[in-house]
């Protein structure tokens, strides 16, 4: 149903945090070639999760002071915006 809704709305599927055994979910989602799927997880990708190799990117960890740097760059324009949850 999730993939159907993504197709109908021309949307992507984003899964943040995979289950303990992600293989079945990853295989089901990546079998749909007509839907963009983004998976994020702190664990490294395991090739056994899917018969096809996805594009795997490593995101750098958060740097100390990231929120302060954004607050300084945005100035007072960030009023009402919860910067801590975004950074």
N, C-alpha and C. Protein backbone atom coordinates (compact mmCIF):
# COMPACT_ATOMS: atom_id res chain seq x y z
N UNK A 1 0.82 -1.19 0.00
CA UNK A 1 0.00 0.00 0.00
C UNK A 1 0.87 1.26 0.00
N UNK A 2 1.98 1.22 0.72
CA UNK A 2 2.89 2.36 0.79
C UNK A 2 3.45 2.69 -0.60
N UNK A 3 3.88 1.68 -1.32
CA UNK A 3 4.43 1.91 -2.65
C UNK A 3 3.35 2.41 -3.61
N UNK A 4 2.15 1.90 -3.48
CA UNK A 4 1.05 2.37 -4.34
C UNK A 4 0.78 3.85 -4.10
N UNK A 5 0.73 4.25 -2.84
CA UNK A 5 0.50 5.66 -2.52
C UNK A 5 1.63 6.54 -3.04
N UNK A 6 2.86 6.05 -2.95
CA UNK A 6 4.00 6.81 -3.47
C UNK A 6 3.87 6.98 -4.98
N UNK A 7 3.47 5.93 -5.66
CA UNK A 7 3.29 6.01 -7.12
C UNK A 7 2.19 7.01 -7.48
N UNK A 8 1.05 6.88 -6.81
CA UNK A 8 -0.09 7.74 -7.13
C UNK A 8 0.20 9.21 -6.87
N UNK A 9 0.97 9.49 -5.86
CA UNK A 9 1.29 10.88 -5.52
C UNK A 9 2.61 11.35 -6.08
N UNK A 10 3.28 10.51 -6.87
CA UNK A 10 4.60 10.83 -7.41
C UNK A 10 5.53 11.28 -6.28
N UNK A 11 5.58 10.46 -5.24
CA UNK A 11 6.35 10.75 -4.03
C UNK A 11 7.46 9.73 -3.83
N UNK A 12 8.37 10.05 -2.96
CA UNK A 12 9.43 9.13 -2.55
C UNK A 12 9.03 8.49 -1.23
N UNK A 13 9.65 7.36 -0.93
CA UNK A 13 9.46 6.69 0.36
C UNK A 13 10.74 6.89 1.15
N UNK A 14 10.61 7.40 2.37
CA UNK A 14 11.76 7.62 3.25
C UNK A 14 11.56 6.78 4.50
N UNK A 15 12.54 5.94 4.80
CA UNK A 15 12.50 5.10 6.00
C UNK A 15 13.72 5.47 6.84
N UNK A 16 13.47 6.03 8.00
CA UNK A 16 14.55 6.43 8.91
C UNK A 16 14.58 5.45 10.07
N UNK A 17 15.61 4.65 10.13
CA UNK A 17 15.74 3.63 11.16
C UNK A 17 15.13 2.33 10.69
N UNK A 18 15.96 1.39 10.36
CA UNK A 18 15.50 0.10 9.85
C UNK A 18 15.25 -0.88 10.99
N UNK A 19 14.39 -1.88 10.76
CA UNK A 19 14.15 -2.88 11.80
C UNK A 19 15.41 -3.71 12.07
N UNK A 20 15.37 -4.51 13.11
CA UNK A 20 16.53 -5.33 13.48
C UNK A 20 16.98 -6.23 12.32
N UNK A 21 16.04 -6.81 11.62
CA UNK A 21 16.35 -7.64 10.43
C UNK A 21 15.73 -6.94 9.22
N UNK A 22 16.48 -6.03 8.59
CA UNK A 22 15.91 -5.18 7.55
C UNK A 22 15.79 -5.82 6.17
N UNK A 23 16.35 -7.00 5.96
CA UNK A 23 16.37 -7.61 4.64
C UNK A 23 15.03 -7.65 3.93
N UNK A 24 13.98 -8.21 4.54
CA UNK A 24 12.69 -8.28 3.84
C UNK A 24 12.13 -6.90 3.46
N UNK A 25 12.24 -5.94 4.35
CA UNK A 25 11.75 -4.59 4.05
C UNK A 25 12.56 -3.96 2.92
N UNK A 26 13.88 -4.06 3.00
CA UNK A 26 14.74 -3.47 1.97
C UNK A 26 14.45 -4.11 0.62
N UNK A 27 14.33 -5.43 0.57
CA UNK A 27 14.04 -6.12 -0.69
C UNK A 27 12.69 -5.68 -1.26
N UNK A 28 11.68 -5.59 -0.41
CA UNK A 28 10.34 -5.19 -0.89
C UNK A 28 10.34 -3.77 -1.44
N UNK A 29 11.00 -2.86 -0.75
CA UNK A 29 11.00 -1.47 -1.20
C UNK A 29 11.87 -1.26 -2.43
N UNK A 30 13.01 -1.91 -2.49
CA UNK A 30 13.91 -1.70 -3.63
C UNK A 30 13.49 -2.48 -4.86
N UNK A 31 12.55 -3.40 -4.73
CA UNK A 31 12.05 -4.12 -5.90
C UNK A 31 11.21 -3.21 -6.78
N UNK A 32 10.68 -2.15 -6.22
CA UNK A 32 9.88 -1.19 -6.98
C UNK A 32 10.81 -0.21 -7.68
N UNK A 33 11.04 -0.41 -8.94
CA UNK A 33 11.98 0.43 -9.69
C UNK A 33 11.41 1.80 -10.03
N UNK A 34 10.10 1.96 -9.89
CA UNK A 34 9.47 3.22 -10.27
C UNK A 34 9.21 4.16 -9.09
N UNK A 35 9.74 3.81 -7.92
CA UNK A 35 9.57 4.64 -6.72
C UNK A 35 10.95 4.91 -6.12
N UNK A 36 11.22 6.17 -5.84
CA UNK A 36 12.47 6.52 -5.17
C UNK A 36 12.36 6.15 -3.70
N UNK A 37 13.36 5.42 -3.21
CA UNK A 37 13.37 4.97 -1.81
C UNK A 37 14.66 5.45 -1.16
N UNK A 38 14.54 6.09 -0.01
CA UNK A 38 15.69 6.53 0.77
C UNK A 38 15.63 5.83 2.12
N UNK A 39 16.68 5.10 2.44
CA UNK A 39 16.77 4.38 3.71
C UNK A 39 17.91 4.97 4.52
N UNK A 40 17.67 5.23 5.79
CA UNK A 40 18.73 5.71 6.67
C UNK A 40 18.79 4.82 7.90
N UNK A 41 19.99 4.58 8.35
CA UNK A 41 20.20 3.75 9.53
C UNK A 41 21.62 3.98 10.01
N UNK A 42 21.87 3.91 11.30
CA UNK A 42 23.24 4.08 11.78
C UNK A 42 24.15 2.91 11.42
N UNK A 43 23.56 1.76 11.12
CA UNK A 43 24.38 0.59 10.74
C UNK A 43 24.83 0.70 9.29
N UNK A 44 25.98 0.15 8.96
CA UNK A 44 26.40 0.14 7.56
C UNK A 44 25.53 -0.81 6.75
N UNK A 45 25.42 -0.55 5.46
CA UNK A 45 24.63 -1.39 4.57
C UNK A 45 25.23 -2.79 4.50
N UNK A 46 24.37 -3.78 4.50
CA UNK A 46 24.78 -5.18 4.38
C UNK A 46 24.31 -5.69 3.01
N UNK A 47 25.20 -6.16 2.14
CA UNK A 47 24.82 -6.63 0.81
C UNK A 47 23.80 -7.77 0.83
N UNK A 48 23.65 -8.44 1.95
CA UNK A 48 22.66 -9.52 2.03
C UNK A 48 21.22 -8.99 2.14
N UNK A 49 21.06 -7.70 2.36
CA UNK A 49 19.73 -7.13 2.51
C UNK A 49 18.97 -7.07 1.19
N UNK A 50 19.67 -7.01 0.07
CA UNK A 50 19.01 -6.84 -1.22
C UNK A 50 19.83 -7.50 -2.32
N UNK A 51 19.16 -8.09 -3.33
CA UNK A 51 19.91 -8.71 -4.43
C UNK A 51 20.55 -7.68 -5.36
N UNK A 52 20.10 -6.44 -5.30
CA UNK A 52 20.71 -5.39 -6.12
C UNK A 52 21.45 -4.41 -5.22
N UNK A 53 22.52 -3.86 -5.73
CA UNK A 53 23.32 -2.93 -4.93
C UNK A 53 22.77 -1.51 -5.07
N UNK A 54 22.41 -0.89 -3.96
CA UNK A 54 21.93 0.49 -4.01
C UNK A 54 23.09 1.47 -4.00
N UNK A 55 22.77 2.72 -4.17
CA UNK A 55 23.76 3.78 -3.98
C UNK A 55 23.89 3.98 -2.47
N UNK A 56 25.08 3.77 -1.95
CA UNK A 56 25.31 3.88 -0.51
C UNK A 56 26.18 5.10 -0.25
N UNK A 57 25.70 5.99 0.60
CA UNK A 57 26.44 7.20 0.96
C UNK A 57 26.60 7.25 2.47
N UNK A 58 27.77 7.65 2.92
CA UNK A 58 28.01 7.84 4.34
C UNK A 58 27.88 9.33 4.65
N UNK A 59 27.03 9.64 5.59
CA UNK A 59 26.86 11.04 6.00
C UNK A 59 27.80 11.32 7.16
N UNK A 60 28.46 12.46 7.13
CA UNK A 60 29.36 12.79 8.24
C UNK A 60 28.57 12.99 9.52
N UNK A 61 29.22 12.75 10.62
CA UNK A 61 28.58 12.98 11.92
C UNK A 61 28.40 14.46 12.18
N UNK A 62 27.59 14.75 13.15
CA UNK A 62 27.36 16.15 13.51
C UNK A 62 28.61 16.75 14.13
N UNK A 63 28.91 17.95 13.71
CA UNK A 63 30.04 18.66 14.31
C UNK A 63 29.56 19.42 15.53
N UNK A 64 30.44 19.55 16.47
CA UNK A 64 30.12 20.36 17.66
C UNK A 64 29.92 21.80 17.22
N UNK A 65 28.92 22.44 17.76
CA UNK A 65 28.67 23.84 17.44
C UNK A 65 27.84 24.05 16.19
N UNK A 66 27.29 22.99 15.63
CA UNK A 66 26.50 23.13 14.41
C UNK A 66 25.29 24.03 14.58
N UNK A 67 24.56 23.85 15.68
CA UNK A 67 23.38 24.68 15.92
C UNK A 67 23.77 26.15 16.10
N UNK A 68 24.87 26.39 16.79
CA UNK A 68 25.32 27.77 17.00
C UNK A 68 25.70 28.42 15.67
N UNK A 69 26.34 27.67 14.79
CA UNK A 69 26.72 28.22 13.49
C UNK A 69 25.49 28.58 12.67
N UNK A 70 24.48 27.71 12.67
CA UNK A 70 23.24 28.01 11.94
C UNK A 70 22.51 29.20 12.57
N UNK A 71 22.49 29.26 13.88
CA UNK A 71 21.82 30.37 14.57
C UNK A 71 22.48 31.69 14.19
N UNK A 72 23.81 31.70 14.13
CA UNK A 72 24.54 32.91 13.76
C UNK A 72 24.25 33.28 12.30
N UNK A 73 24.17 32.28 11.43
CA UNK A 73 23.93 32.55 10.01
C UNK A 73 22.51 33.03 9.75
N UNK A 74 21.53 32.49 10.48
CA UNK A 74 20.13 32.86 10.28
C UNK A 74 19.75 34.15 10.99
N UNK A 75 20.43 34.43 12.08
CA UNK A 75 20.11 35.63 12.84
C UNK A 75 18.70 35.59 13.39
N UNK A 76 18.04 36.72 13.40
CA UNK A 76 16.69 36.80 13.96
C UNK A 76 15.64 36.19 13.04
N UNK A 77 16.01 35.85 11.81
CA UNK A 77 15.05 35.24 10.89
C UNK A 77 14.61 33.86 11.35
N UNK A 78 15.29 33.30 12.33
CA UNK A 78 14.96 31.96 12.81
C UNK A 78 13.93 31.98 13.94
N UNK A 79 13.37 33.14 14.24
CA UNK A 79 12.38 33.23 15.31
C UNK A 79 11.22 32.28 15.03
N UNK A 80 10.84 31.50 16.03
CA UNK A 80 9.74 30.56 15.89
C UNK A 80 10.12 29.24 15.24
N UNK A 81 11.35 29.13 14.77
CA UNK A 81 11.83 27.90 14.12
C UNK A 81 12.65 27.12 15.13
N UNK A 82 12.33 25.85 15.31
CA UNK A 82 13.06 25.02 16.27
C UNK A 82 14.34 24.50 15.63
N UNK A 83 15.37 25.30 15.71
CA UNK A 83 16.63 24.99 15.06
C UNK A 83 17.29 23.75 15.64
N UNK A 84 17.14 23.51 16.93
CA UNK A 84 17.79 22.37 17.58
C UNK A 84 17.32 21.04 17.00
N UNK A 85 16.06 20.94 16.60
CA UNK A 85 15.58 19.68 16.03
C UNK A 85 16.00 19.51 14.58
N UNK A 86 16.32 20.60 13.91
CA UNK A 86 16.70 20.52 12.50
C UNK A 86 18.19 20.29 12.30
N UNK A 87 18.99 20.66 13.27
CA UNK A 87 20.45 20.56 13.11
C UNK A 87 20.96 19.38 13.91
